[in-house]
Protein backbone atom coordinates (compact mmCIF):
# COMPACT_ATOMS: atom_id res chain seq x y z
CA MET A 1 0.17 -0.20 -0.16
CA GLU A 2 1.46 3.58 -1.34
CA MET A 3 1.10 5.12 2.22
CA ALA A 4 0.44 9.41 1.89
CA SER A 5 4.23 10.25 2.30
CA VAL A 6 6.79 11.78 -0.35
CA SER A 7 10.03 9.91 -0.87
CA SER A 8 11.69 13.17 -0.17
CA SER A 9 9.78 15.53 1.98
CA PRO A 10 9.44 19.01 0.51
CA ARG A 11 10.86 21.78 2.79
CA THR A 12 10.62 25.04 0.42
CA VAL A 13 7.07 26.92 0.07
CA GLU A 14 7.00 25.78 -3.49
CA GLU A 15 7.66 22.23 -2.90
CA ILE A 16 4.69 21.75 -0.35
CA PHE A 17 2.84 24.10 -2.33
CA LYS A 18 3.32 21.19 -5.20
CA ASP A 19 2.58 18.27 -3.04
CA TYR A 20 -1.01 20.07 -1.27
CA GLY A 21 -1.82 20.73 -5.08
CA GLY A 22 -1.52 16.85 -6.20
CA ARG A 23 -3.44 15.50 -3.06
CA ARG A 24 -5.84 17.95 -3.71
CA ALA A 25 -6.07 17.27 -7.34
CA GLY A 26 -6.20 13.49 -6.13
CA ILE A 27 -9.10 14.00 -3.79
CA VAL A 28 -11.22 16.40 -5.99
CA ARG A 29 -10.92 13.42 -8.61
CA ALA A 30 -12.07 10.61 -6.30
CA LEU A 31 -15.23 12.87 -5.14
CA THR A 32 -16.04 14.45 -8.84
CA ASP A 33 -14.80 12.19 -11.91
CA ASP A 34 -14.62 8.92 -9.68
CA VAL A 35 -17.39 9.53 -7.43
CA ASP A 36 -19.28 6.21 -8.39
CA GLU A 37 -15.65 3.96 -7.75
CA PHE A 38 -15.02 6.12 -4.29
CA TYR A 39 -18.91 5.81 -3.16
CA GLY A 40 -18.22 1.62 -4.34
CA LEU A 41 -15.48 1.26 -2.40
CA CYS A 42 -16.52 2.77 0.98
CA ASP A 43 -18.24 -0.25 2.25
CA PRO A 44 -19.74 0.47 5.56
CA GLU A 45 -19.15 -3.16 6.40
CA LYS A 46 -15.12 -2.74 6.00
CA GLU A 47 -13.08 -2.01 8.29
CA ASN A 48 -12.11 1.72 8.84
CA LEU A 49 -11.33 3.37 5.46
CA CYS A 50 -9.29 6.68 4.94
CA LEU A 51 -9.26 8.44 1.64
CA TYR A 52 -5.69 9.70 0.85
CA GLY A 53 -4.81 12.01 -1.86
CA HIS A 54 -1.43 11.17 -3.09
CA PRO A 55 1.39 14.20 -4.22
CA ASN A 56 1.16 12.36 -8.18
CA GLU A 57 -2.22 13.52 -8.02
CA THR A 58 -4.03 10.01 -7.72
CA TRP A 59 -6.14 8.82 -4.85
CA GLU A 60 -6.64 5.96 -2.80
CA VAL A 61 -9.29 4.35 -0.14
CA THR A 62 -7.62 2.05 2.16
CA LEU A 63 -7.06 1.30 5.70
CA PRO A 64 -4.80 3.92 7.83
CA ALA A 65 -1.11 3.91 8.12
CA GLU A 66 0.17 1.10 11.05
CA GLU A 67 2.65 3.15 12.45
CA VAL A 68 2.17 4.54 15.67
CA PRO A 69 3.02 7.49 15.22
CA PRO A 70 2.52 7.98 11.51
CA GLU A 71 4.93 9.49 8.95
CA LEU A 72 2.44 12.16 8.11
CA PRO A 73 -0.63 13.13 9.72
CA GLU A 74 -3.74 11.26 8.88
CA PRO A 75 -7.11 11.55 7.35
CA ALA A 76 -10.47 11.05 8.62
CA LEU A 77 -11.14 7.47 10.04
CA GLY A 78 -13.76 5.51 9.26
CA ILE A 79 -15.59 8.06 6.79
CA ASN A 80 -17.51 4.48 5.01
CA PHE A 81 -19.25 3.95 8.46
CA ALA A 82 -21.67 7.07 7.70
CA ARG A 83 -21.94 6.45 4.23
CA ASP A 84 -25.49 4.68 4.07
CA GLY A 85 -27.00 7.02 7.14
CA MET A 86 -26.58 9.92 5.16
CA ASP A 87 -27.84 11.48 2.03
CA ARG A 88 -24.89 10.76 -0.77
CA LYS A 89 -24.62 14.25 -1.15
CA ASP A 90 -24.41 15.20 2.40
CA TRP A 91 -21.86 12.72 2.96
CA LEU A 92 -19.53 13.49 -0.15
CA SER A 93 -19.18 17.04 1.43
CA LEU A 94 -18.54 15.65 4.90
CA VAL A 95 -15.50 13.79 3.42
CA ALA A 96 -14.67 16.98 1.47
CA VAL A 97 -14.26 19.07 4.71
CA HIS A 98 -12.30 16.50 6.47
CA SER A 99 -10.15 16.28 3.20
CA ASP A 100 -9.38 20.03 3.22
CA CYS A 101 -8.61 19.63 6.91
CA TRP A 102 -6.04 16.70 6.59
CA MET A 103 -4.46 18.35 3.68
CA LEU A 104 -3.59 21.84 5.56
CA SER A 105 -2.40 19.75 8.62
CA VAL A 106 -0.18 17.53 6.00
CA ALA A 107 1.05 20.98 4.39
CA PHE A 108 1.97 22.62 8.11
CA TYR A 109 3.16 19.49 9.13
CA LEU A 110 6.05 19.64 5.94
CA GLY A 111 6.61 23.03 6.50
CA ALA A 112 7.12 22.94 10.29
CA ARG A 113 10.69 24.47 9.73
CA LEU A 114 9.46 27.48 7.58
CA ASN A 115 9.60 31.14 8.98
CA ARG A 116 6.30 33.44 9.55
CA ASN A 117 6.91 35.20 6.33
CA GLU A 118 6.93 31.82 4.42
CA ARG A 119 3.80 30.08 6.15
CA LYS A 120 1.93 33.47 5.55
CA ARG A 121 2.86 32.64 1.88
CA LEU A 122 2.45 28.91 1.95
CA PHE A 123 -1.21 29.78 3.27
CA SER A 124 -2.17 32.37 0.50
CA LEU A 125 -1.46 29.99 -2.06
CA MET A 126 -3.43 27.31 -0.69
CA ASN A 127 -6.26 29.85 -0.43
CA ASP A 128 -5.96 30.92 -4.01
CA LEU A 129 -7.28 27.85 -4.67
CA PRO A 130 -11.19 26.87 -3.93
CA THR A 131 -11.58 24.08 -0.49
CA VAL A 132 -12.36 20.56 -1.90
CA PHE A 133 -15.59 21.75 -0.22
CA GLU A 134 -16.11 24.48 -2.22
CA VAL A 135 -15.95 22.48 -5.47
CA ILE A 136 -18.20 19.77 -4.23
CA THR A 137 -20.73 21.77 -3.04
CA GLU A 138 -20.36 23.89 -6.75
CA ARG A 139 -19.60 27.02 -4.24
CA LYS A 140 -16.54 27.92 -6.50
CA ALA A 141 -15.68 26.47 -9.82
CA VAL A 142 -12.55 24.35 -9.95
CA LYS A 143 -9.57 26.56 -10.61
CA ASP A 144 -6.46 25.75 -12.28
CA LYS A 145 -3.66 25.66 -9.43
CA PRO A 146 -1.61 29.09 -9.48
CA SER A 147 1.73 29.17 -9.73
CA ALA A 148 3.85 30.03 -6.74
CA ASP A 149 4.87 33.45 -8.03
CA ASN A 150 1.18 35.02 -8.29
CA GLY A 151 -0.09 32.81 -4.71
CA SER A 152 1.29 35.85 -2.73
CA LYS A 153 -1.69 38.13 -4.39
CA SER A 154 -4.23 36.12 -2.21
CA GLN A 155 -6.55 39.19 -1.01
CA GLY A 156 -7.41 39.26 2.49
CA SER A 157 -11.16 38.86 1.87
CA THR A 158 -10.59 35.35 0.89
CA LYS A 159 -9.02 34.31 4.42
CA ASN A 160 -12.07 32.70 5.42
CA ASP A 161 -12.91 30.34 3.01
CA MET A 162 -10.71 27.63 4.26
CA ASN A 163 -11.63 28.35 8.04
CA GLU A 164 -15.46 27.75 6.68
CA ALA A 165 -15.10 24.66 5.32
CA CYS A 166 -12.89 23.18 8.39
CA ARG A 167 -15.36 24.90 10.84
CA VAL A 168 -17.52 22.55 13.52
CA SER A 169 -20.37 24.59 14.89
CA LEU A 170 -20.83 23.72 18.44
CA ILE A 171 -24.44 25.33 19.56
CA PRO A 172 -24.79 27.35 23.03
CA GLU A 173 -27.50 26.08 24.98
CA ASN A 174 -28.89 29.16 24.86
CA LEU A 175 -29.11 29.39 21.36
CA LEU A 176 -30.61 25.53 20.61
CA PRO A 177 -34.01 25.34 18.81
CA THR A 178 -37.06 25.56 20.80
CA ARG A 179 -38.98 22.99 18.89
CA ASN A 180 -38.06 18.96 18.60
CA LYS A 181 -35.43 19.48 21.59
CA ARG A 182 -34.23 16.02 23.33
CA SER A 183 -34.76 15.34 26.61
CA SER A 184 -31.86 13.81 28.79
CA ASP A 185 -33.24 10.25 28.22
CA GLY A 186 -32.52 11.12 24.45
CA GLN A 187 -36.44 10.94 23.49
CA VAL A 188 -37.25 14.09 21.36
CA LYS A 189 -40.29 16.41 22.76
CA SER A 190 -41.61 19.53 21.60
CA ASN A 191 -41.31 22.77 23.42
CA PRO A 192 -44.76 24.08 24.68
CA LYS A 193 -44.13 27.76 23.98
CA LEU A 194 -47.24 29.69 23.60
CA ALA A 195 -47.54 31.11 19.93
CA ASP A 196 -46.87 34.41 20.13
CA GLU A 197 -43.81 33.68 21.85
CA SER A 198 -42.50 31.35 19.14
CA TYR A 199 -42.05 34.76 17.41
CA GLU A 200 -39.84 36.36 19.93
CA ASP A 201 -37.62 33.61 19.76
CA GLU A 202 -37.46 33.28 16.08
CA ASP A 203 -34.33 36.12 16.07
CA GLU A 204 -32.89 33.99 19.32
CA HIS A 205 -32.78 31.04 17.41
CA SER A 206 -31.69 32.42 13.67
CA GLU A 207 -27.92 31.48 14.47
CA THR A 208 -28.78 27.81 15.27
CA LEU A 209 -26.83 26.04 12.09
CA CYS A 210 -27.74 22.65 10.70
CA GLY A 211 -24.42 20.41 11.67
CA SER A 212 -24.73 18.86 8.11
CA CYS A 213 -25.94 21.39 5.52
CA GLY A 214 -25.25 24.66 7.50
CA GLY A 215 -29.11 25.83 6.80
CA ASN A 216 -30.60 28.12 9.79
CA TYR A 217 -32.70 27.05 12.14
CA ASN A 218 -36.63 27.35 10.88
CA ALA A 219 -39.27 26.52 13.53
CA ASP A 220 -41.27 24.92 10.69
CA GLU A 221 -38.75 21.83 10.54
CA PHE A 222 -38.26 19.15 12.37
CA TRP A 223 -34.58 19.25 13.87
CA ILE A 224 -32.74 16.49 16.09
CA GLY A 225 -29.92 17.07 18.34
CA CYS A 226 -26.72 14.74 18.54
CA ASP A 227 -26.33 13.16 22.17
CA ILE A 228 -22.49 13.08 21.74
CA CYS A 229 -21.32 16.42 20.20
CA GLU A 230 -24.33 18.24 21.24
CA ARG A 231 -24.70 19.72 16.97
CA TRP A 232 -28.08 20.02 15.79
CA PHE A 233 -29.14 18.33 12.43
CA HIS A 234 -32.49 19.01 10.32
CA GLY A 235 -34.07 15.64 10.32
CA LYS A 236 -33.91 15.43 6.56
CA CYS A 237 -30.46 15.91 6.41
CA VAL A 238 -29.71 12.76 8.88
CA LYS A 239 -32.79 10.94 7.41
CA ILE A 240 -34.46 10.70 11.07
CA THR A 241 -38.11 11.41 10.85
CA PRO A 242 -40.21 12.58 14.38
CA ALA A 243 -41.29 8.83 14.39
CA LYS A 244 -38.73 7.05 14.40
CA ALA A 245 -36.62 9.66 16.97
CA GLU A 246 -39.22 8.85 19.22
CA ASN A 247 -37.39 5.38 19.37
CA ILE A 248 -33.91 6.36 19.60
CA LYS A 249 -32.82 6.66 23.07
CA GLN A 250 -29.14 8.13 22.44
CA TYR A 251 -29.06 9.62 19.00
CA LYS A 252 -25.33 9.98 17.30
CA CYS A 253 -24.71 12.38 14.40
CA PRO A 254 -23.16 10.86 11.34
CA SER A 255 -20.05 12.18 12.61
CA CYS A 256 -19.99 10.56 15.88
CA SER A 257 -20.77 7.22 14.35
CA MET A 258 -17.62 7.27 12.58
CA LYS A 259 -15.67 7.74 15.89
CA ARG A 260 -16.55 4.40 16.84
CA GLY A 261 -13.82 2.63 14.37
CA ARG A 262 -11.33 4.33 16.86
CA GLN A 263 -12.45 2.99 19.84
């Protein structure tokens, strides 16, 4: 098995960016042109699988490295476990987000000896490319890889792109939806607020985001909360209906379910 490493570890900004670009191209291909093949390889019945992007622009679905600690940071473990529990598009988006985070970690691992200005330049080069998440969700068109010479022209207004893709929203208790909250025993219950009070709470909960699609809270939709990470999701995004939720004692979202392979 070819592990996600390089024969001669890159050390300059240009070398690390080339390594990043190759891995990114491979992962984008897995989640777009080769998506049917990728989807088929991620069988939930198999062991913990990872998606690797290699510097030569190829991709691979395989078991994680056996070395402890691994030679390079490892991608998300067990991506196959959540495949059948989510909408296909949402699952691919989740894999894309984890892949973006993994590639950043690899790049800065390889650039551990870079100075402050070199790290800033490296990030600018990477940030000129749309994230894999943006490509998969069609937020941005696929762009050609920029050269190292023009990477420094990245504008500050785009610096939040990659952060947005890698962000995990943890919702404070006072911002949780007031409808379809879960009790301590895992059962879903409706909040018996009066109609006029629900209007007052609309603004308060407007910042509550679905952990799957990122959509805002809407009092007219069914939501369910994860008992592990405490994030909230549209029922339709995680394929849970109110009737089905009544029989769930402890709900685990797809992301938390993926972590079971690490235990």
